Amino acid sequence: MLGGEVGEGGEGVDVGYLLVPVLVLASGVIAWAGNLVGRRVGKNRLSLFGLRPRTTAQIVTVSTGVLINVVTVGAVLAFSRDARVALFELRETLRSLEARAELLRAEIRALEQGDIAVLRGQEVARGVLDGRRGPEEVRRGFFRVRQEAVEFLVAQGAGRDSSGNVILPDPPGLSWDAVERIVVQRRREVVVRLVSTKNVLAGSPVPVTVQIVNNQLVFHRGQVLAEARLRAAPREAVREALLSLAGVGIRAATGKILSAPGQRVAGPPFVVLDLDSARRVTDRVERSGAGGVRVQAVALQDAYTAGPLLLGFQVR
């Protein structure tokens, strides 16, 4: 289907449904006219440039076909930007694509041979800001987040650009002031994360984007996330059972609690296991006898979106 160009209103206009029937009609008219002229040339045995009448008729027929093609191509080029690009700018487009591909291959080779300071999608800093505290407090808090990002990235081996910047807003039009305004407009507590948008070699500045997530209560203190009856067994077997129980709790937190600071944003939730409660429950299970005891994995404190979820164990 033929595509149209963008009109003055800014919306895409598909001229294909109009252009195709017009072309068919125009081609029919041209063919009819050419056939009529050819018949009259043949009937009246007219001659062009001293040629034989039959040859003249053939020239008229060929000219009609050429005219049909010229009208068709001209109409398509006039109404379709894609067609003009394909016909006149294809070579330049291919060169541009090849240049981009070469840059990508060069980046891949550099990543393979060099030290990577930070990965694409890796969080480089986070902070919990409250829009209800007003613009000045939010501005100071977000400045601290950016400073933490710089300190973290310098420690990882990142470098600075010609202006001395370690972190670069990505996309380039991203404004730190705009981020602060969004936080204030939320009028609630939010988590602000700075996240790398590409794999960056050591010695290079890091482009980062900003993610803003509401920091809400996910699990309340004492909430049971998983439970199972465990019977007396060797200590290692009891530990494995507790880890399995913790895994259920971690899955319950997935998608609700963010990944740990400094990790990729798509990573597992920020969960911390309480080893003291794990040791106490392990001792209790070992002494439980054949009947065993019911063990629960619980949140030891209120857990919010920012994390962590402090996950412990208790016997019930």
Protein backbone atom coordinates (compact mmCIF):
# COMPACT_ATOMS: atom_id res chain seq x y z
CA MET A 1 0.00 0.00 0.00
CA LEU A 2 1.33 3.46 -0.89
CA GLY A 3 2.06 5.71 2.04
CA GLY A 4 1.26 9.42 2.21
CA GLU A 5 3.18 12.29 3.65
CA VAL A 6 2.36 14.21 6.81
CA GLY A 7 -0.16 16.97 6.22
CA GLU A 8 -0.33 20.36 7.84
CA GLY A 9 -2.34 19.03 10.75
CA GLY A 10 0.58 16.75 11.70
CA GLU A 11 -1.33 13.51 11.05
CA GLY A 12 -0.27 10.86 8.54
CA VAL A 13 -2.49 10.86 5.43
CA ASP A 14 -2.68 7.59 3.51
CA VAL A 15 -3.19 8.61 -0.12
CA GLY A 16 -2.99 5.04 -1.43
CA TYR A 17 -6.75 4.57 -1.57
CA LEU A 18 -7.07 7.73 -3.68
CA LEU A 19 -3.90 7.39 -5.75
CA VAL A 20 -4.44 3.84 -7.00
CA PRO A 21 -7.86 4.37 -8.65
CA VAL A 22 -6.67 7.70 -10.10
CA LEU A 23 -3.66 5.97 -11.65
CA VAL A 24 -5.84 3.19 -13.03
CA LEU A 25 -8.23 5.73 -14.54
CA ALA A 26 -5.42 7.85 -15.97
CA SER A 27 -3.69 4.80 -17.44
CA GLY A 28 -6.96 3.70 -19.03
CA VAL A 29 -7.54 7.10 -20.56
CA ILE A 30 -3.99 7.23 -21.93
CA ALA A 31 -4.25 3.70 -23.32
CA TRP A 32 -7.62 4.47 -24.93
CA ALA A 33 -6.25 7.66 -26.47
CA GLY A 34 -3.15 5.87 -27.72
CA ASN A 35 -5.20 3.07 -29.20
CA LEU A 36 -7.50 5.61 -30.90
CA VAL A 37 -4.56 7.48 -32.39
CA GLY A 38 -2.91 4.24 -33.49
CA ARG A 39 -6.07 3.06 -35.23
CA ARG A 40 -6.47 6.36 -37.06
CA VAL A 41 -2.82 6.30 -38.05
CA GLY A 42 -3.20 2.80 -39.41
CA LYS A 43 -6.58 3.46 -41.05
CA ASN A 44 -5.51 6.67 -42.75
CA ARG A 45 -2.01 5.30 -43.39
CA LEU A 46 -0.43 8.37 -41.82
CA SER A 47 3.33 8.68 -41.55
CA LEU A 48 5.73 10.36 -39.14
CA PHE A 49 9.18 11.49 -40.22
CA GLY A 50 8.73 9.66 -43.47
CA LEU A 51 8.32 6.27 -41.78
CA ARG A 52 6.02 3.53 -42.97
CA PRO A 53 2.43 3.71 -41.59
CA ARG A 54 2.85 0.39 -39.75
CA THR A 55 6.05 1.65 -38.10
CA THR A 56 4.32 4.92 -37.20
CA ALA A 57 1.48 2.96 -35.54
CA GLN A 58 4.00 0.91 -33.55
CA ILE A 59 5.72 4.11 -32.38
CA VAL A 60 2.39 5.49 -31.21
CA THR A 61 1.66 2.28 -29.26
CA VAL A 62 5.11 2.27 -27.61
CA SER A 63 4.84 5.97 -26.78
CA THR A 64 1.49 5.31 -25.10
CA GLY A 65 3.05 2.65 -22.87
CA VAL A 66 5.95 4.94 -21.99
CA LEU A 67 3.55 7.76 -21.15
CA ILE A 68 1.55 5.47 -18.87
CA ASN A 69 4.73 4.52 -16.96
CA VAL A 70 5.87 8.14 -16.74
CA VAL A 71 2.52 9.26 -15.36
CA THR A 72 2.45 6.37 -12.86
CA VAL A 73 5.99 6.94 -11.58
CA GLY A 74 5.49 10.70 -11.47
CA ALA A 75 2.30 10.40 -9.47
CA VAL A 76 3.86 7.97 -7.00
CA LEU A 77 6.89 10.22 -6.52
CA ALA A 78 4.69 13.27 -6.09
CA PHE A 79 2.50 11.72 -3.40
CA SER A 80 4.83 9.31 -1.58
CA ARG A 81 7.93 10.40 0.32
CA ASP A 82 8.92 6.74 0.83
CA ALA A 83 9.01 6.27 -2.94
CA ARG A 84 11.21 9.34 -3.40
CA VAL A 85 13.58 8.11 -0.70
CA ALA A 86 13.73 4.65 -2.27
CA LEU A 87 14.47 6.08 -5.72
CA PHE A 88 16.78 9.00 -5.00
CA GLU A 89 18.13 8.54 -1.46
CA LEU A 90 18.50 4.77 -1.21
CA ARG A 91 22.26 4.81 -1.68
CA GLU A 92 22.72 7.48 1.00
CA THR A 93 20.40 5.57 3.36
CA LEU A 94 22.39 2.37 2.85
CA ARG A 95 25.63 4.24 3.53
CA SER A 96 24.19 5.64 6.75
CA LEU A 97 23.05 2.20 7.88
CA GLU A 98 26.44 0.72 7.09
CA ALA A 99 28.15 3.48 9.07
CA ARG A 100 25.93 2.78 12.06
CA ALA A 101 26.61 -0.94 11.79
CA GLU A 102 30.35 -0.28 11.71
CA LEU A 103 30.11 1.91 14.82
CA LEU A 104 28.21 -0.87 16.56
CA ARG A 105 30.80 -3.45 15.52
CA ALA A 106 33.56 -1.16 16.78
CA GLU A 107 31.78 -0.77 20.12
CA ILE A 108 31.40 -4.52 20.44
CA ARG A 109 35.11 -5.05 19.69
CA ALA A 110 36.02 -2.39 22.24
CA LEU A 111 33.82 -4.00 24.88
CA GLU A 112 35.38 -7.38 24.18
CA GLN A 113 38.91 -6.02 24.52
CA GLY A 114 38.49 -3.41 27.26
CA ASP A 115 37.34 -3.09 30.84
CA ILE A 116 33.65 -2.38 31.23
CA ALA A 117 32.88 0.24 33.88
CA VAL A 118 29.11 -0.17 33.87
CA LEU A 119 26.52 -2.28 32.06
CA ARG A 120 23.44 -1.22 30.15
CA GLY A 121 20.45 -1.23 32.50
CA GLN A 122 22.61 -1.06 35.64
CA GLU A 123 21.46 1.22 38.43
CA VAL A 124 24.22 3.64 39.41
CA ALA A 125 22.42 5.47 42.23
CA ARG A 126 19.07 5.77 43.94
CA GLY A 127 17.38 7.94 46.49
CA VAL A 128 14.03 8.20 48.24
CA LEU A 129 12.60 11.69 47.78
CA ASP A 130 9.35 13.14 49.12
CA GLY A 131 7.60 15.66 46.89
CA ARG A 132 5.62 16.97 49.85
CA ARG A 133 8.79 18.51 51.30
CA GLY A 134 8.91 21.14 48.58
CA PRO A 135 11.17 22.04 45.66
CA GLU A 136 14.27 23.01 47.67
CA GLU A 137 14.38 19.78 49.67
CA VAL A 138 13.77 17.75 46.52
CA ARG A 139 16.55 19.66 44.71
CA ARG A 140 19.03 18.94 47.49
CA GLY A 141 18.00 15.30 47.64
CA PHE A 142 18.32 14.77 43.90
CA PHE A 143 21.71 16.50 43.93
CA ARG A 144 22.88 13.97 46.53
CA VAL A 145 21.65 11.14 44.30
CA ARG A 146 23.68 12.49 41.37
CA GLN A 147 26.73 12.90 43.59
CA GLU A 148 26.42 9.30 44.74
CA ALA A 149 26.22 8.24 41.10
CA VAL A 150 29.42 10.12 40.28
CA GLU A 151 31.26 8.61 43.25
CA PHE A 152 30.08 5.10 42.37
CA LEU A 153 31.01 5.43 38.68
CA VAL A 154 34.43 6.94 39.33
CA ALA A 155 35.13 4.02 41.66
CA GLN A 156 34.05 1.70 38.83
CA GLY A 157 36.51 3.34 36.44
CA ALA A 158 34.25 5.69 34.48
CA GLY A 159 35.74 8.90 33.10
CA ARG A 160 34.67 12.45 32.31
CA ASP A 161 33.70 14.24 29.12
CA SER A 162 35.38 17.44 27.89
CA SER A 163 33.20 19.46 30.28
CA GLY A 164 34.13 17.33 33.29
CA ASN A 165 30.80 15.46 33.52
CA VAL A 166 30.76 11.83 34.62
CA ILE A 167 27.01 11.32 34.10
CA LEU A 168 25.20 12.54 30.99
CA PRO A 169 21.38 12.86 30.77
CA ASP A 170 20.00 10.43 28.20
CA PRO A 171 18.17 11.32 26.04
CA PRO A 172 20.17 14.56 25.71
CA GLY A 173 17.00 16.62 26.15
CA LEU A 174 16.46 15.18 29.64
CA SER A 175 16.60 17.94 32.26
CA TRP A 176 17.48 17.45 35.93
CA ASP A 177 15.11 20.33 36.71
CA ALA A 178 12.29 18.47 34.96
CA VAL A 179 12.94 15.41 37.14
CA GLU A 180 12.72 17.55 40.26
CA ARG A 181 9.43 19.07 39.09
CA ILE A 182 7.95 15.61 38.50
CA VAL A 183 8.90 14.52 42.01
CA VAL A 184 7.31 17.63 43.52
CA GLN A 185 4.15 17.13 41.44
CA ARG A 186 3.79 13.55 42.71
CA ARG A 187 3.39 14.92 46.26
CA ARG A 188 4.39 11.62 47.77
CA GLU A 189 7.45 9.54 48.53
CA VAL A 190 9.15 8.16 45.40
CA VAL A 191 12.28 6.24 44.50
CA VAL A 192 14.47 8.04 41.98
CA ARG A 193 16.93 5.76 40.15
CA LEU A 194 19.73 6.73 37.79
CA VAL A 195 20.22 3.90 35.28
CA SER A 196 22.93 3.46 32.65
CA THR A 197 21.54 3.32 29.11
CA LYS A 198 24.54 1.56 27.51
CA ASN A 199 27.59 -0.55 28.20
CA VAL A 200 30.39 1.88 29.00
CA LEU A 201 34.13 1.26 28.87
CA ALA A 202 36.42 2.41 31.65
CA GLY A 203 37.53 5.99 31.10
CA SER A 204 34.29 7.10 29.43
CA PRO A 205 31.38 9.14 30.82
CA VAL A 206 28.11 7.32 31.44
CA PRO A 207 24.76 8.23 29.85
CA VAL A 208 21.95 7.71 32.35
CA THR A 209 18.20 7.88 32.33
CA VAL A 210 15.93 8.48 35.32
CA GLN A 211 13.29 6.14 36.67
CA ILE A 212 10.75 7.42 39.20
CA VAL A 213 8.71 4.83 41.13
CA ASN A 214 6.24 5.35 43.96
CA ASN A 215 7.74 4.09 47.21
CA GLN A 216 4.82 2.27 48.79
CA LEU A 217 4.48 -0.30 51.55
CA VAL A 218 4.74 -3.80 50.07
CA PHE A 219 4.98 -6.09 53.12
CA HIS A 220 4.22 -5.18 56.71
CA ARG A 221 6.25 -6.37 59.67
CA GLY A 222 5.41 -9.93 60.62
CA GLN A 223 3.69 -10.73 57.31
CA VAL A 224 4.05 -14.41 56.41
CA LEU A 225 5.37 -14.94 52.89
CA ALA A 226 5.79 -18.73 52.95
CA GLU A 227 5.48 -21.65 55.35
CA ALA A 228 6.09 -25.38 55.46
CA ARG A 229 6.38 -28.22 57.98
CA LEU A 230 10.00 -29.28 58.43
CA ARG A 231 11.05 -32.47 60.16
CA ALA A 232 14.30 -33.32 61.93
CA ALA A 233 17.08 -33.93 59.41
CA PRO A 234 20.81 -33.36 59.01
CA ARG A 235 21.73 -29.70 59.41
CA GLU A 236 22.60 -29.24 55.74
CA ALA A 237 19.21 -30.62 54.68
CA VAL A 238 17.44 -28.22 57.04
CA ARG A 239 19.38 -25.30 55.57
CA GLU A 240 18.35 -26.33 52.06
CA ALA A 241 14.74 -26.47 53.18
CA LEU A 242 14.99 -22.97 54.65
CA LEU A 243 16.56 -21.68 51.43
CA SER A 244 13.68 -23.21 49.48
CA LEU A 245 11.24 -21.45 51.80
CA ALA A 246 13.15 -18.18 51.32
CA GLY A 247 12.90 -18.67 47.56
CA VAL A 248 9.11 -18.61 47.83
CA GLY A 249 9.36 -15.33 49.72
CA ILE A 250 11.71 -13.86 47.10
CA ARG A 251 9.29 -14.79 44.34
CA ALA A 252 6.52 -13.05 46.28
CA ALA A 253 8.65 -9.89 46.27
CA THR A 254 9.47 -10.04 42.56
CA GLY A 255 7.92 -7.12 40.70
CA LYS A 256 7.06 -5.37 43.96
CA ILE A 257 10.48 -4.56 45.40
CA LEU A 258 13.26 -3.08 43.26
CA SER A 259 16.54 -4.82 42.59
CA ALA A 260 19.46 -4.12 44.90
CA PRO A 261 21.43 -0.85 44.51
CA GLY A 262 24.20 -1.08 41.93
CA GLN A 263 22.57 -4.04 40.17
CA ARG A 264 20.73 -4.25 36.87
CA VAL A 265 17.17 -2.99 37.13
CA ALA A 266 15.85 -6.27 35.71
CA GLY A 267 17.56 -8.27 38.46
CA PRO A 268 15.96 -10.07 41.42
CA PRO A 269 14.35 -8.05 44.24
CA PHE A 270 16.44 -6.56 47.01
CA VAL A 271 16.04 -9.19 49.74
CA VAL A 272 18.28 -9.70 52.78
CA LEU A 273 18.14 -12.98 54.70
CA ASP A 274 18.39 -12.78 58.49
CA LEU A 275 21.02 -15.38 59.33
CA ASP A 276 20.43 -15.24 63.10
CA SER A 277 16.81 -16.34 62.74
CA ALA A 278 17.91 -18.98 60.22
CA ARG A 279 20.37 -20.48 62.76
CA ARG A 280 17.79 -20.43 65.56
CA VAL A 281 15.16 -22.14 63.43
CA THR A 282 17.69 -24.69 62.15
CA ASP A 283 18.53 -25.66 65.74
CA ARG A 284 14.82 -25.90 66.57
CA VAL A 285 14.07 -28.14 63.60
CA GLU A 286 16.96 -30.46 64.43
CA ARG A 287 15.49 -30.99 67.92
CA SER A 288 11.90 -31.30 66.74
CA GLY A 289 11.77 -35.07 66.44
CA ALA A 290 9.62 -37.06 64.02
CA GLY A 291 6.66 -34.68 64.18
CA GLY A 292 8.66 -31.70 63.00
CA VAL A 293 7.60 -28.06 63.34
CA ARG A 294 5.85 -25.50 61.15
CA VAL A 295 8.33 -22.91 59.88
CA GLN A 296 7.36 -19.56 58.39
CA ALA A 297 9.32 -17.10 56.27
CA VAL A 298 8.28 -13.64 57.45
CA ALA A 299 9.08 -9.97 56.86
CA LEU A 300 10.99 -8.84 59.95
CA GLN A 301 10.22 -5.18 59.27
CA ASP A 302 8.04 -3.10 57.00
CA ALA A 303 9.31 -3.43 53.43
CA TYR A 304 8.80 -0.72 50.83
CA THR A 305 9.32 -0.60 47.07
CA ALA A 306 12.88 0.69 47.51
CA GLY A 307 13.74 -2.38 49.59
CA PRO A 308 15.26 -4.20 51.21
CA LEU A 309 12.91 -6.92 52.34
CA LEU A 310 14.47 -8.29 55.53
CA LEU A 311 13.38 -11.91 55.40
CA GLY A 312 13.61 -14.07 58.51
CA PHE A 313 12.28 -17.36 59.85
CA GLN A 314 10.14 -18.32 62.81
CA VAL A 315 8.56 -21.47 64.20
CA ARG A 316 4.80 -21.66 64.72
